[in-house]
C-alpha atoms as a PDB file:
ATOM      1  CA  MET A   1      -0.446  16.783  -6.162  1.00  0.00           C
ATOM      2  CA  LYS A   2       0.020  13.262  -4.809  1.00  0.00           C
ATOM      3  CA  GLU A   3      -2.051  10.947  -2.646  1.00  0.00           C
ATOM      4  CA  THR A   4      -1.135   8.412  -0.011  1.00  0.00           C
ATOM      5  CA  HIS A   5      -3.304   5.780   1.626  1.00  0.00           C
ATOM      6  CA  CYS A   6      -2.034   4.562   5.006  1.00  0.00           C
ATOM      7  CA  THR A   7      -3.098   1.856   7.431  1.00  0.00           C
ATOM      8  CA  VAL A   8      -1.684   2.292  10.930  1.00  0.00           C
ATOM      9  CA  HIS A   9      -1.286  -0.786  13.163  1.00  0.00           C
ATOM     10  CA  GLY A  10      -0.783  -1.059  16.915  1.00  0.00           C
ATOM     11  CA  MET A  11      -2.589   0.496  19.850  1.00  0.00           C
ATOM     12  CA  VAL A  12      -4.128   3.256  17.763  1.00  0.00           C
ATOM     13  CA  GLN A  13      -7.817   3.330  18.689  1.00  0.00           C
ATOM     14  CA  GLY A  14      -9.151   5.038  21.795  1.00  0.00           C
ATOM     15  CA  VAL A  15      -5.999   7.180  22.118  1.00  0.00           C
ATOM     16  CA  TRP A  16      -7.075  10.312  20.176  1.00  0.00           C
ATOM     17  CA  PHE A  17      -5.273   9.090  17.041  1.00  0.00           C
ATOM     18  CA  ARG A  18      -7.910  10.342  14.575  1.00  0.00           C
ATOM     19  CA  ALA A  19      -8.146  13.849  16.052  1.00  0.00           C
ATOM     20  CA  TRP A  20      -4.350  14.081  16.287  1.00  0.00           C
ATOM     21  CA  THR A  21      -4.012  12.946  12.655  1.00  0.00           C
ATOM     22  CA  ALA A  22      -6.562  15.505  11.456  1.00  0.00           C
ATOM     23  CA  ASP A  23      -4.820  18.330  13.324  1.00  0.00           C
ATOM     24  CA  MET A  24      -1.455  17.284  11.931  1.00  0.00           C
ATOM     25  CA  ALA A  25      -2.782  17.001   8.366  1.00  0.00           C
ATOM     26  CA  ARG A  26      -4.348  20.463   8.555  1.00  0.00           C
ATOM     27  CA  GLU A  27      -1.024  21.856   9.857  1.00  0.00           C
ATOM     28  CA  LEU A  28       0.645  20.390   6.764  1.00  0.00           C
ATOM     29  CA  ASN A  29      -2.083  21.793   4.446  1.00  0.00           C
ATOM     30  CA  LEU A  30      -3.231  18.325   3.423  1.00  0.00           C
ATOM     31  CA  ALA A  31      -6.726  17.214   2.460  1.00  0.00           C
ATOM     32  CA  GLY A  32      -8.269  13.794   3.009  1.00  0.00           C
ATOM     33  CA  TRP A  33      -9.715  11.767   5.853  1.00  0.00           C
ATOM     34  CA  VAL A  34      -8.953   9.427   8.740  1.00  0.00           C
ATOM     35  CA  ARG A  35     -11.128   6.693  10.271  1.00  0.00           C
ATOM     36  CA  ASN A  36     -11.067   3.708  12.606  1.00  0.00           C
ATOM     37  CA  ARG A  37     -11.418   0.283  11.036  1.00  0.00           C
ATOM     38  CA  SER A  38     -13.195  -2.664  12.607  1.00  0.00           C
ATOM     39  CA  ASP A  39      -9.927  -4.653  12.734  1.00  0.00           C
ATOM     40  CA  GLY A  40      -8.406  -2.170  15.246  1.00  0.00           C
ATOM     41  CA  THR A  41      -6.293  -0.235  12.748  1.00  0.00           C
ATOM     42  CA  VAL A  42      -6.612   3.386  11.678  1.00  0.00           C
ATOM     43  CA  GLU A  43      -6.910   4.200   7.976  1.00  0.00           C
ATOM     44  CA  ALA A  44      -5.949   7.564   6.490  1.00  0.00           C
ATOM     45  CA  LEU A  45      -5.988   9.017   3.010  1.00  0.00           C
ATOM     46  CA  ALA A  46      -4.117  12.268   2.422  1.00  0.00           C
ATOM     47  CA  GLN A  47      -3.615  14.487  -0.630  1.00  0.00           C
ATOM     48  CA  GLY A  48      -1.194  17.324  -1.173  1.00  0.00           C
ATOM     49  CA  ASP A  49       2.409  18.228  -1.784  1.00  0.00           C
ATOM     50  CA  GLU A  50       4.741  15.212  -1.825  1.00  0.00           C
ATOM     51  CA  ALA A  51       7.112  16.687   0.781  1.00  0.00           C
ATOM     52  CA  ALA A  52       4.193  17.367   3.158  1.00  0.00           C
ATOM     53  CA  LEU A  53       2.875  13.841   2.597  1.00  0.00           C
ATOM     54  CA  LYS A  54       6.268  12.398   3.519  1.00  0.00           C
ATOM     55  CA  ARG A  55       6.221  14.397   6.791  1.00  0.00           C
ATOM     56  CA  PHE A  56       2.644  13.168   7.386  1.00  0.00           C
ATOM     57  CA  ILE A  57       3.777   9.544   7.045  1.00  0.00           C
ATOM     58  CA  GLU A  58       6.798  10.083   9.313  1.00  0.00           C
ATOM     59  CA  ARG A  59       4.518  11.482  12.002  1.00  0.00           C
ATOM     60  CA  LEU A  60       2.041   8.594  11.638  1.00  0.00           C
ATOM     61  CA  TYR A  61       4.851   6.274  12.746  1.00  0.00           C
ATOM     62  CA  MET A  62       5.126   8.302  15.981  1.00  0.00           C
ATOM     63  CA  GLY A  63       1.429   8.859  16.700  1.00  0.00           C
ATOM     64  CA  PRO A  64       0.014  10.845  19.604  1.00  0.00           C
ATOM     65  CA  PRO A  65       1.434  10.331  23.127  1.00  0.00           C
ATOM     66  CA  LEU A  66      -0.926   7.505  24.186  1.00  0.00           C
ATOM     67  CA  ALA A  67      -0.614   5.520  20.925  1.00  0.00           C
ATOM     68  CA  ARG A  68       1.793   2.662  20.287  1.00  0.00           C
ATOM     69  CA  VAL A  69       2.329   2.335  16.534  1.00  0.00           C
ATOM     70  CA  THR A  70       3.819  -0.989  15.430  1.00  0.00           C
ATOM     71  CA  SER A  71       3.718  -0.462  11.653  1.00  0.00           C
ATOM     72  CA  VAL A  72       2.289   1.670   8.875  1.00  0.00           C
ATOM     73  CA  ASP A  73       1.297   0.308   5.467  1.00  0.00           C
ATOM     74  CA  VAL A  74       1.764   3.032   2.834  1.00  0.00           C
ATOM     75  CA  LEU A  75       0.417   3.108  -0.699  1.00  0.00           C
ATOM     76  CA  TRP A  76       1.293   5.992  -3.041  1.00  0.00           C
ATOM     77  CA  ARG A  77      -0.987   6.782  -5.967  1.00  0.00           C
ATOM     78  CA  GLU A  78      -2.330   9.521  -8.184  1.00  0.00           C
ATOM     79  CA  PRO A  79      -5.571  11.054  -6.850  1.00  0.00           C
ATOM     80  CA  GLU A  80      -8.751   9.975  -8.627  1.00  0.00           C
ATOM     81  CA  THR A  81     -10.741  12.879  -7.170  1.00  0.00           C
ATOM     82  CA  VAL A  82      -9.684  16.017  -5.320  1.00  0.00           C
ATOM     83  CA  ILE A  83     -10.787  16.184  -1.684  1.00  0.00           C
ATOM     84  CA  PRO A  84     -11.416  19.753  -0.416  1.00  0.00           C
ATOM     85  CA  ARG A  85     -10.375  19.419   3.273  1.00  0.00           C
ATOM     86  CA  PHE A  86      -9.234  16.951   5.921  1.00  0.00           C
ATOM     87  CA  GLU A  87     -11.918  15.314   8.058  1.00  0.00           C
ATOM     88  CA  VAL A  88     -12.417  12.641  10.677  1.00  0.00           C
ATOM     89  CA  ARG A  89     -14.785   9.921   9.501  1.00  0.00           C
ATOM     90  CA  THR A  90     -16.706   7.550  11.726  1.00  0.00           C
END
Protein backbone atom coordinates (compact mmCIF):
# COMPACT_ATOMS: atom_id res chain seq x y z
CA MET A 1 0.00 0.00 0.00
CA LYS A 2 1.12 3.53 -0.85
CA GLU A 3 -0.07 7.00 0.09
CA THR A 4 -0.23 10.25 -1.81
CA HIS A 5 -0.91 13.74 -0.51
CA CYS A 6 -2.18 16.19 -3.14
CA THR A 7 -2.92 19.90 -3.19
CA VAL A 8 -5.12 20.98 -6.09
CA HIS A 9 -4.91 24.60 -7.32
CA GLY A 10 -7.29 26.60 -9.50
CA MET A 11 -11.02 27.15 -9.36
CA VAL A 12 -11.64 24.12 -7.18
CA GLN A 13 -13.90 25.31 -4.36
CA GLY A 14 -17.65 25.72 -4.72
CA VAL A 15 -17.73 23.41 -7.77
CA TRP A 16 -18.46 20.04 -6.09
CA PHE A 17 -14.76 19.11 -6.15
CA ARG A 18 -14.74 17.39 -2.74
CA ALA A 19 -17.82 15.24 -3.41
CA TRP A 20 -16.53 14.35 -6.88
CA THR A 21 -13.12 13.41 -5.42
CA ALA A 22 -14.71 11.21 -2.75
CA ASP A 23 -16.87 9.40 -5.32
CA MET A 24 -13.88 8.86 -7.58
CA ALA A 25 -11.68 7.60 -4.73
CA ARG A 26 -14.35 5.12 -3.63
CA GLU A 27 -14.66 3.90 -7.24
CA LEU A 28 -10.92 3.22 -7.19
CA ASN A 29 -11.13 1.46 -3.78
CA LEU A 30 -8.99 4.10 -2.10
CA ALA A 31 -9.15 5.30 1.50
CA GLY A 32 -8.34 8.77 2.79
CA TRP A 33 -9.92 12.21 2.85
CA VAL A 34 -10.43 15.45 0.96
CA ARG A 35 -10.98 18.98 2.31
CA ASN A 36 -11.04 22.64 1.33
CA ARG A 37 -8.18 24.80 2.56
CA SER A 38 -8.47 28.43 3.55
CA ASP A 39 -6.12 29.47 0.72
CA GLY A 40 -8.66 28.32 -1.93
CA THR A 41 -7.00 25.00 -2.74
CA VAL A 42 -8.32 21.49 -2.15
CA GLU A 43 -6.19 19.02 -0.21
CA ALA A 44 -6.53 15.25 -0.54
CA LEU A 45 -4.79 12.29 1.04
CA ALA A 46 -5.35 8.87 -0.52
CA GLN A 47 -4.11 5.37 0.34
CA GLY A 48 -4.24 2.21 -1.70
CA ASP A 49 -2.78 0.37 -4.64
CA GLU A 50 -0.14 2.39 -6.52
CA ALA A 51 -1.84 1.95 -9.91
CA ALA A 52 -5.16 3.19 -8.48
CA LEU A 53 -3.40 6.15 -6.86
CA LYS A 54 -1.87 7.10 -10.21
CA ARG A 55 -5.35 7.07 -11.80
CA PHE A 56 -6.62 9.16 -8.85
CA ILE A 57 -3.93 11.79 -9.50
CA GLU A 58 -4.61 11.83 -13.25
CA ARG A 59 -8.28 12.49 -12.57
CA LEU A 60 -7.49 15.26 -10.06
CA TYR A 61 -5.86 17.16 -12.93
CA MET A 62 -9.20 17.02 -14.79
CA GLY A 63 -11.58 17.71 -11.89
CA PRO A 64 -15.36 17.80 -12.11
CA PRO A 65 -17.06 19.69 -14.98
CA LEU A 66 -17.29 23.09 -13.23
CA ALA A 67 -13.70 23.06 -11.88
CA ARG A 68 -10.68 24.62 -13.55
CA VAL A 69 -7.54 22.90 -12.25
CA THR A 70 -4.32 24.82 -12.87
CA SER A 71 -1.89 22.50 -11.05
CA VAL A 72 -1.62 19.63 -8.61
CA ASP A 73 1.19 19.27 -6.07
CA VAL A 74 1.82 15.57 -5.40
CA LEU A 75 3.79 14.02 -2.57
CA TRP A 76 4.30 10.24 -2.40
CA ARG A 77 5.05 8.60 0.93
CA GLU A 78 4.62 5.48 3.00
CA PRO A 79 1.46 5.55 5.16
CA GLU A 80 2.01 6.24 8.85
CA THR A 81 -1.46 4.96 9.77
CA VAL A 82 -4.07 3.03 7.80
CA ILE A 83 -7.27 4.95 7.07
CA PRO A 84 -10.39 2.73 6.84
CA ARG A 85 -12.46 4.64 4.22
CA PHE A 86 -12.58 7.79 2.11
CA GLU A 87 -14.37 10.81 3.57
CA VAL A 88 -15.04 14.47 2.93
CA ARG A 89 -13.70 16.66 5.72
CA THR A 90 -14.84 20.18 6.51
